[in-house]
Amino acid sequence: ISRDNAKNTVYLQMTSLKPEDTAVYFCAAGL
């Protein structure tokens, strides 16, 4: 996981993906 504050963007880089990684992926923000 990483974030680029200048671009207001968060990333999730996924490698070595497996069938059990199949899902709906959600981004969230919290204070």
PDB file of all heavy atoms in Angstrom:
ATOM      1  N   ILE A   1       0.843  -1.187   0.000  1.00  0.00           N
ATOM      2  CA  ILE A   1       0.000   0.000   0.000  1.00  0.00           C
ATOM      3  C   ILE A   1       0.881   1.240   0.000  1.00  0.00           C
ATOM      4  O   ILE A   1       1.940   1.264   0.632  1.00  0.00           O
ATOM      5  CB  ILE A   1      -0.965   0.016   1.205  1.00  0.00           C
ATOM      6  CG1 ILE A   1      -1.979   1.159   1.078  1.00  0.00           C
ATOM      7  CG2 ILE A   1      -0.207   0.101   2.524  1.00  0.00           C
ATOM      8  CD1 ILE A   1      -3.095   1.120   2.121  1.00  0.00           C
ATOM      9  N   SER A   2       0.459   2.261  -0.717  1.00  0.00           N
ATOM     10  CA  SER A   2       1.187   3.520  -0.750  1.00  0.00           C
ATOM     11  C   SER A   2       0.209   4.651  -1.017  1.00  0.00           C
ATOM     12  O   SER A   2      -0.922   4.417  -1.430  1.00  0.00           O
ATOM     13  CB  SER A   2       2.292   3.494  -1.812  1.00  0.00           C
ATOM     14  OG  SER A   2       1.744   3.310  -3.111  1.00  0.00           O
ATOM     15  N   ARG A   3       0.646   5.871  -0.764  1.00  0.00           N
ATOM     16  CA  ARG A   3      -0.199   7.022  -1.064  1.00  0.00           C
ATOM     17  C   ARG A   3       0.645   8.148  -1.632  1.00  0.00           C
ATOM     18  O   ARG A   3       1.794   8.350  -1.240  1.00  0.00           O
ATOM     19  CB  ARG A   3      -0.975   7.487   0.175  1.00  0.00           C
ATOM     20  CG  ARG A   3      -0.131   8.093   1.284  1.00  0.00           C
ATOM     21  CD  ARG A   3      -0.939   8.259   2.579  1.00  0.00           C
ATOM     22  NE  ARG A   3      -1.997   9.248   2.461  1.00  0.00           N
ATOM     23  CZ  ARG A   3      -2.966   9.418   3.365  1.00  0.00           C
ATOM     24  NH1 ARG A   3      -3.011   8.641   4.450  1.00  0.00           N
ATOM     25  NH2 ARG A   3      -3.885  10.348   3.182  1.00  0.00           N
ATOM     26  N   ASP A   4       0.053   8.863  -2.553  1.00  0.00           N
ATOM     27  CA  ASP A   4       0.654  10.037  -3.154  1.00  0.00           C
ATOM     28  C   ASP A   4      -0.199  11.216  -2.713  1.00  0.00           C
ATOM     29  O   ASP A   4      -1.275  11.452  -3.268  1.00  0.00           O
ATOM     30  CB  ASP A   4       0.700   9.911  -4.670  1.00  0.00           C
ATOM     31  CG  ASP A   4       1.447  11.051  -5.332  1.00  0.00           C
ATOM     32  OD1 ASP A   4       1.505  12.158  -4.759  1.00  0.00           O
ATOM     33  OD2 ASP A   4       1.977  10.843  -6.442  1.00  0.00           O
ATOM     34  N   ASN A   5       0.259  11.930  -1.703  1.00  0.00           N
ATOM     35  CA  ASN A   5      -0.539  13.010  -1.140  1.00  0.00           C
ATOM     36  C   ASN A   5      -0.753  14.153  -2.134  1.00  0.00           C
ATOM     37  O   ASN A   5      -1.794  14.812  -2.109  1.00  0.00           O
ATOM     38  CB  ASN A   5       0.109  13.534   0.143  1.00  0.00           C
ATOM     39  CG  ASN A   5       0.077  12.519   1.265  1.00  0.00           C
ATOM     40  OD1 ASN A   5      -0.828  11.686   1.336  1.00  0.00           O
ATOM     41  ND2 ASN A   5       1.066  12.581   2.146  1.00  0.00           N
ATOM     42  N   ALA A   6       0.212  14.390  -3.000  1.00  0.00           N
ATOM     43  CA  ALA A   6       0.080  15.443  -3.995  1.00  0.00           C
ATOM     44  C   ALA A   6      -1.019  15.128  -4.998  1.00  0.00           C
ATOM     45  O   ALA A   6      -1.682  16.029  -5.515  1.00  0.00           O
ATOM     46  CB  ALA A   6       1.403  15.665  -4.711  1.00  0.00           C
ATOM     47  N   LYS A   7      -1.229  13.843  -5.287  1.00  0.00           N
ATOM     48  CA  LYS A   7      -2.252  13.418  -6.232  1.00  0.00           C
ATOM     49  C   LYS A   7      -3.547  12.974  -5.561  1.00  0.00           C
ATOM     50  O   LYS A   7      -4.493  12.597  -6.251  1.00  0.00           O
ATOM     51  CB  LYS A   7      -1.729  12.277  -7.101  1.00  0.00           C
ATOM     52  CG  LYS A   7      -0.592  12.664  -8.026  1.00  0.00           C
ATOM     53  CD  LYS A   7      -0.199  11.492  -8.911  1.00  0.00           C
ATOM     54  CE  LYS A   7       0.879  11.881  -9.894  1.00  0.00           C
ATOM     55  NZ  LYS A   7       1.261  10.742 -10.770  1.00  0.00           N
ATOM     56  N   ASN A   8      -3.582  13.002  -4.233  1.00  0.00           N
ATOM     57  CA  ASN A   8      -4.756  12.539  -3.483  1.00  0.00           C
ATOM     58  C   ASN A   8      -5.161  11.130  -3.896  1.00  0.00           C
ATOM     59  O   ASN A   8      -6.343  10.830  -4.091  1.00  0.00           O
ATOM     60  CB  ASN A   8      -5.934  13.499  -3.665  1.00  0.00           C
ATOM     61  CG  ASN A   8      -5.688  14.854  -3.043  1.00  0.00           C
ATOM     62  OD1 ASN A   8      -4.924  14.986  -2.088  1.00  0.00           O
ATOM     63  ND2 ASN A   8      -6.343  15.876  -3.567  1.00  0.00           N
ATOM     64  N   THR A   9      -4.174  10.262  -4.005  1.00  0.00           N
ATOM     65  CA  THR A   9      -4.401   8.922  -4.508  1.00  0.00           C
ATOM     66  C   THR A   9      -3.698   7.888  -3.637  1.00  0.00           C
ATOM     67  O   THR A   9      -2.569   8.105  -3.208  1.00  0.00           O
ATOM     68  CB  THR A   9      -3.917   8.789  -5.959  1.00  0.00           C
ATOM     69  OG1 THR A   9      -4.611   9.742  -6.778  1.00  0.00           O
ATOM     70  CG2 THR A   9      -4.192   7.396  -6.496  1.00  0.00           C
ATOM     71  N   VAL A  10      -4.378   6.781  -3.401  1.00  0.00           N
ATOM     72  CA  VAL A  10      -3.832   5.637  -2.672  1.00  0.00           C
ATOM     73  C   VAL A  10      -3.761   4.456  -3.625  1.00  0.00           C
ATOM     74  O   VAL A  10      -4.642   4.276  -4.470  1.00  0.00           O
ATOM     75  CB  VAL A  10      -4.698   5.292  -1.453  1.00  0.00           C
ATOM     76  CG1 VAL A  10      -4.141   4.084  -0.716  1.00  0.00           C
ATOM     77  CG2 VAL A  10      -4.782   6.482  -0.511  1.00  0.00           C
ATOM     78  N   TYR A  11      -2.726   3.637  -3.478  1.00  0.00           N
ATOM     79  CA  TYR A  11      -2.520   2.503  -4.359  1.00  0.00           C
ATOM     80  C   TYR A  11      -2.417   1.209  -3.565  1.00  0.00           C
ATOM     81  O   TYR A  11      -1.994   1.196  -2.407  1.00  0.00           O
ATOM     82  CB  TYR A  11      -1.237   2.667  -5.172  1.00  0.00           C
ATOM     83  CG  TYR A  11      -1.178   3.937  -5.968  1.00  0.00           C
ATOM     84  CD1 TYR A  11      -0.533   5.063  -5.473  1.00  0.00           C
ATOM     85  CD2 TYR A  11      -1.777   4.017  -7.224  1.00  0.00           C
ATOM     86  CE1 TYR A  11      -0.474   6.237  -6.209  1.00  0.00           C
ATOM     87  CE2 TYR A  11      -1.723   5.187  -7.963  1.00  0.00           C
ATOM     88  CZ  TYR A  11      -1.071   6.287  -7.446  1.00  0.00           C
ATOM     89  OH  TYR A  11      -1.021   7.451  -8.178  1.00  0.00           O
ATOM     90  N   LEU A  12      -2.799   0.134  -4.197  1.00  0.00           N
ATOM     91  CA  LEU A  12      -2.545  -1.195  -3.675  1.00  0.00           C
ATOM     92  C   LEU A  12      -1.903  -2.000  -4.794  1.00  0.00           C
ATOM     93  O   LEU A  12      -2.570  -2.346  -5.772  1.00  0.00           O
ATOM     94  CB  LEU A  12      -3.821  -1.874  -3.193  1.00  0.00           C
ATOM     95  CG  LEU A  12      -3.617  -3.229  -2.508  1.00  0.00           C
ATOM     96  CD1 LEU A  12      -2.890  -3.046  -1.176  1.00  0.00           C
ATOM     97  CD2 LEU A  12      -4.940  -3.948  -2.299  1.00  0.00           C
ATOM     98  N   GLN A  13      -0.618  -2.272  -4.654  1.00  0.00           N
ATOM     99  CA  GLN A  13       0.112  -3.067  -5.622  1.00  0.00           C
ATOM    100  C   GLN A  13       0.062  -4.528  -5.198  1.00  0.00           C
ATOM    101  O   GLN A  13       0.520  -4.875  -4.111  1.00  0.00           O
ATOM    102  CB  GLN A  13       1.554  -2.589  -5.719  1.00  0.00           C
ATOM    103  CG  GLN A  13       1.691  -1.131  -6.128  1.00  0.00           C
ATOM    104  CD  GLN A  13       3.128  -0.662  -6.076  1.00  0.00           C
ATOM    105  OE1 GLN A  13       3.988  -1.192  -6.781  1.00  0.00           O
ATOM    106  NE2 GLN A  13       3.392   0.331  -5.248  1.00  0.00           N
ATOM    107  N   MET A  14      -0.489  -5.367  -6.052  1.00  0.00           N
ATOM    108  CA  MET A  14      -0.701  -6.766  -5.739  1.00  0.00           C
ATOM    109  C   MET A  14       0.138  -7.625  -6.669  1.00  0.00           C
ATOM    110  O   MET A  14       0.104  -7.443  -7.888  1.00  0.00           O
ATOM    111  CB  MET A  14      -2.178  -7.132  -5.868  1.00  0.00           C
ATOM    112  CG  MET A  14      -3.099  -6.243  -5.045  1.00  0.00           C
ATOM    113  SD  MET A  14      -4.826  -6.784  -5.116  1.00  0.00           S
ATOM    114  CE  MET A  14      -5.189  -6.443  -6.839  1.00  0.00           C
ATOM    115  N   THR A  15       0.877  -8.555  -6.089  1.00  0.00           N
ATOM    116  CA  THR A  15       1.704  -9.480  -6.853  1.00  0.00           C
ATOM    117  C   THR A  15       1.431 -10.897  -6.394  1.00  0.00           C
ATOM    118  O   THR A  15       0.820 -11.129  -5.358  1.00  0.00           O
ATOM    119  CB  THR A  15       3.193  -9.162  -6.698  1.00  0.00           C
ATOM    120  OG1 THR A  15       3.581  -9.304  -5.323  1.00  0.00           O
ATOM    121  CG2 THR A  15       3.499  -7.741  -7.156  1.00  0.00           C
ATOM    122  N   SER A  16       1.911 -11.860  -7.185  1.00  0.00           N
ATOM    123  CA  SER A  16       1.750 -13.282  -6.867  1.00  0.00           C
ATOM    124  C   SER A  16       0.307 -13.616  -6.518  1.00  0.00           C
ATOM    125  O   SER A  16       0.022 -14.275  -5.517  1.00  0.00           O
ATOM    126  CB  SER A  16       2.691 -13.677  -5.725  1.00  0.00           C
ATOM    127  OG  SER A  16       4.037 -13.422  -6.061  1.00  0.00           O
ATOM    128  N   LEU A  17      -0.598 -13.181  -7.344  1.00  0.00           N
ATOM    129  CA  LEU A  17      -2.016 -13.315  -7.053  1.00  0.00           C
ATOM    130  C   LEU A  17      -2.463 -14.772  -7.071  1.00  0.00           C
ATOM    131  O   LEU A  17      -2.001 -15.568  -7.882  1.00  0.00           O
ATOM    132  CB  LEU A  17      -2.841 -12.491  -8.031  1.00  0.00           C
ATOM    133  CG  LEU A  17      -2.787 -10.986  -7.765  1.00  0.00           C
ATOM    134  CD1 LEU A  17      -3.297 -10.209  -8.967  1.00  0.00           C
ATOM    135  CD2 LEU A  17      -3.599 -10.640  -6.519  1.00  0.00           C
ATOM    136  N   LYS A  18      -3.367 -15.087  -6.164  1.00  0.00           N
ATOM    137  CA  LYS A  18      -3.904 -16.425  -5.981  1.00  0.00           C
ATOM    138  C   LYS A  18      -5.412 -16.408  -6.190  1.00  0.00           C
ATOM    139  O   LYS A  18      -6.045 -15.360  -6.060  1.00  0.00           O
ATOM    140  CB  LYS A  18      -3.601 -16.925  -4.565  1.00  0.00           C
ATOM    141  CG  LYS A  18      -2.147 -16.834  -4.153  1.00  0.00           C
ATOM    142  CD  LYS A  18      -1.983 -17.150  -2.677  1.00  0.00           C
ATOM    143  CE  LYS A  18      -0.544 -17.019  -2.239  1.00  0.00           C
ATOM    144  NZ  LYS A  18      -0.388 -17.298  -0.787  1.00  0.00           N
ATOM    145  N   PRO A  19      -6.010 -17.561  -6.490  1.00  0.00           N
ATOM    146  CA  PRO A  19      -7.473 -17.591  -6.644  1.00  0.00           C
ATOM    147  C   PRO A  19      -8.214 -17.064  -5.420  1.00  0.00           C
ATOM    148  O   PRO A  19      -9.271 -16.439  -5.574  1.00  0.00           O
ATOM    149  CB  PRO A  19      -7.767 -19.077  -6.873  1.00  0.00           C
ATOM    150  CG  PRO A  19      -6.527 -19.588  -7.517  1.00  0.00           C
ATOM    151  CD  PRO A  19      -5.403 -18.849  -6.850  1.00  0.00           C
ATOM    152  N   GLU A  20      -7.692 -17.285  -4.223  1.00  0.00           N
ATOM    153  CA  GLU A  20      -8.342 -16.809  -3.017  1.00  0.00           C
ATOM    154  C   GLU A  20      -8.288 -15.293  -2.858  1.00  0.00           C
ATOM    155  O   GLU A  20      -8.909 -14.741  -1.950  1.00  0.00           O
ATOM    156  CB  GLU A  20      -7.764 -17.483  -1.764  1.00  0.00           C
ATOM    157  CG  GLU A  20      -6.256 -17.377  -1.647  1.00  0.00           C
ATOM    158  CD  GLU A  20      -5.544 -18.625  -2.128  1.00  0.00           C
ATOM    159  OE1 GLU A  20      -5.928 -19.160  -3.185  1.00  0.00           O
ATOM    160  OE2 GLU A  20      -4.602 -19.074  -1.444  1.00  0.00           O
ATOM    161  N   ASP A  21      -7.549 -14.616  -3.722  1.00  0.00           N
ATOM    162  CA  ASP A  21      -7.554 -13.157  -3.734  1.00  0.00           C
ATOM    163  C   ASP A  21      -8.763 -12.591  -4.469  1.00  0.00           C
ATOM    164  O   ASP A  21      -8.987 -11.378  -4.449  1.00  0.00           O
ATOM    165  CB  ASP A  21      -6.284 -12.612  -4.380  1.00  0.00           C
ATOM    166  CG  ASP A  21      -5.034 -12.929  -3.574  1.00  0.00           C
ATOM    167  OD1 ASP A  21      -5.081 -12.840  -2.327  1.00  0.00           O
ATOM    168  OD2 ASP A  21      -4.004 -13.256  -4.193  1.00  0.00           O
ATOM    169  N   THR A  22      -9.526 -13.440  -5.126  1.00  0.00           N
ATOM    170  CA  THR A  22     -10.708 -12.996  -5.851  1.00  0.00           C
ATOM    171  C   THR A  22     -11.720 -12.394  -4.892  1.00  0.00           C
ATOM    172  O   THR A  22     -12.149 -13.038  -3.935  1.00  0.00           O
ATOM    173  CB  THR A  22     -11.338 -14.166  -6.616  1.00  0.00           C
ATOM    174  OG1 THR A  22     -10.424 -14.626  -7.617  1.00  0.00           O
ATOM    175  CG2 THR A  22     -12.634 -13.737  -7.287  1.00  0.00           C
ATOM    176  N   ALA A  23     -12.096 -11.150  -5.141  1.00  0.00           N
ATOM    177  CA  ALA A  23     -13.009 -10.431  -4.257  1.00  0.00           C
ATOM    178  C   ALA A  23     -13.285  -9.057  -4.840  1.00  0.00           C
ATOM    179  O   ALA A  23     -12.656  -8.636  -5.812  1.00  0.00           O
ATOM    180  CB  ALA A  23     -12.405 -10.284  -2.853  1.00  0.00           C
ATOM    181  N   VAL A  24     -14.225  -8.361  -4.219  1.00  0.00           N
ATOM    182  CA  VAL A  24     -14.398  -6.940  -4.478  1.00  0.00           C
ATOM    183  C   VAL A  24     -13.493  -6.187  -3.523  1.00  0.00           C
ATOM    184  O   VAL A  24     -13.528  -6.417  -2.311  1.00  0.00           O
ATOM    185  CB  VAL A  24     -15.859  -6.493  -4.295  1.00  0.00           C
ATOM    186  CG1 VAL A  24     -15.989  -4.990  -4.499  1.00  0.00           C
ATOM    187  CG2 VAL A  24     -16.764  -7.238  -5.270  1.00  0.00           C
ATOM    188  N   TYR A  25     -12.689  -5.301  -4.049  1.00  0.00           N
ATOM    189  CA  TYR A  25     -11.726  -4.550  -3.250  1.00  0.00           C
ATOM    190  C   TYR A  25     -12.232  -3.134  -3.026  1.00  0.00           C
ATOM    191  O   TYR A  25     -12.657  -2.459  -3.969  1.00  0.00           O
ATOM    192  CB  TYR A  25     -10.369  -4.522  -3.946  1.00  0.00           C
ATOM    193  CG  TYR A  25      -9.623  -5.828  -3.806  1.00  0.00           C
ATOM    194  CD1 TYR A  25     -10.078  -6.976  -4.451  1.00  0.00           C
ATOM    195  CD2 TYR A  25      -8.479  -5.920  -3.013  1.00  0.00           C
ATOM    196  CE1 TYR A  25      -9.413  -8.181  -4.307  1.00  0.00           C
ATOM    197  CE2 TYR A  25      -7.807  -7.117  -2.874  1.00  0.00           C
ATOM    198  CZ  TYR A  25      -8.275  -8.244  -3.516  1.00  0.00           C
ATOM    199  OH  TYR A  25      -7.606  -9.441  -3.373  1.00  0.00           O
ATOM    200  N   PHE A  26     -12.177  -2.696  -1.764  1.00  0.00           N
ATOM    201  CA  PHE A  26     -12.697  -1.400  -1.365  1.00  0.00           C
ATOM    202  C   PHE A  26     -11.601  -0.525  -0.780  1.00  0.00           C
ATOM    203  O   PHE A  26     -10.768  -0.991  -0.002  1.00  0.00           O
ATOM    204  CB  PHE A  26     -13.790  -1.550  -0.301  1.00  0.00           C
ATOM    205  CG  PHE A  26     -15.014  -2.274  -0.763  1.00  0.00           C
ATOM    206  CD1 PHE A  26     -15.121  -3.646  -0.644  1.00  0.00           C
ATOM    207  CD2 PHE A  26     -16.070  -1.569  -1.308  1.00  0.00           C
ATOM    208  CE1 PHE A  26     -16.255  -4.319  -1.057  1.00  0.00           C
ATOM    209  CE2 PHE A  26     -17.215  -2.222  -1.731  1.00  0.00           C
ATOM    210  CZ  PHE A  26     -17.305  -3.601  -1.600  1.00  0.00           C
ATOM    211  N   CYS A  27     -11.638   0.726  -1.131  1.00  0.00           N
ATOM    212  CA  CYS A  27     -10.815   1.751  -0.517  1.00  0.00           C
ATOM    213  C   CYS A  27     -11.638   2.456   0.556  1.00  0.00           C
ATOM    214  O   CYS A  27     -12.845   2.647   0.396  1.00  0.00           O
ATOM    215  CB  CYS A  27     -10.355   2.742  -1.581  1.00  0.00           C
ATOM    216  SG  CYS A  27      -9.413   4.155  -0.981  1.00  0.00           S
ATOM    217  N   ALA A  28     -10.995   2.837   1.663  1.00  0.00           N
ATOM    218  CA  ALA A  28     -11.702   3.502   2.748  1.00  0.00           C
ATOM    219  C   ALA A  28     -10.832   4.575   3.380  1.00  0.00           C
ATOM    220  O   ALA A  28      -9.600   4.509   3.330  1.00  0.00           O
ATOM    221  CB  ALA A  28     -12.123   2.476   3.808  1.00  0.00           C
ATOM    222  N   ALA A  29     -11.476   5.557   3.998  1.00  0.00           N
ATOM    223  CA  ALA A  29     -10.790   6.648   4.681  1.00  0.00           C
ATOM    224  C   ALA A  29     -11.368   6.816   6.072  1.00  0.00           C
ATOM    225  O   ALA A  29     -12.584   6.745   6.254  1.00  0.00           O
ATOM    226  CB  ALA A  29     -10.924   7.951   3.891  1.00  0.00           C
ATOM    227  N   GLY A  30     -10.492   7.069   7.048  1.00  0.00           N
ATOM    228  CA  GLY A  30     -10.951   7.252   8.404  1.00  0.00           C
ATOM    229  C   GLY A  30     -10.100   8.212   9.199  1.00  0.00           C
ATOM    230  O   GLY A  30      -8.901   8.358   8.939  1.00  0.00           O
ATOM    231  N   LEU A  31     -10.727   8.868  10.166  1.00  0.00           N
ATOM    232  CA  LEU A  31     -10.038   9.719  11.127  1.00  0.00           C
ATOM    233  C   LEU A  31      -9.952   8.946  12.424  1.00  0.00           C
ATOM    234  O   LEU A  31     -10.964   8.685  13.071  1.00  0.00           O
ATOM    235  CB  LEU A  31     -10.783  11.033  11.331  1.00  0.00           C
ATOM    236  CG  LEU A  31     -10.796  12.003  10.155  1.00  0.00           C
ATOM    237  CD1 LEU A  31     -11.767  13.135  10.421  1.00  0.00           C
ATOM    238  CD2 LEU A  31      -9.399  12.549   9.908  1.00  0.00           C
TER     239      LEU A  31
END
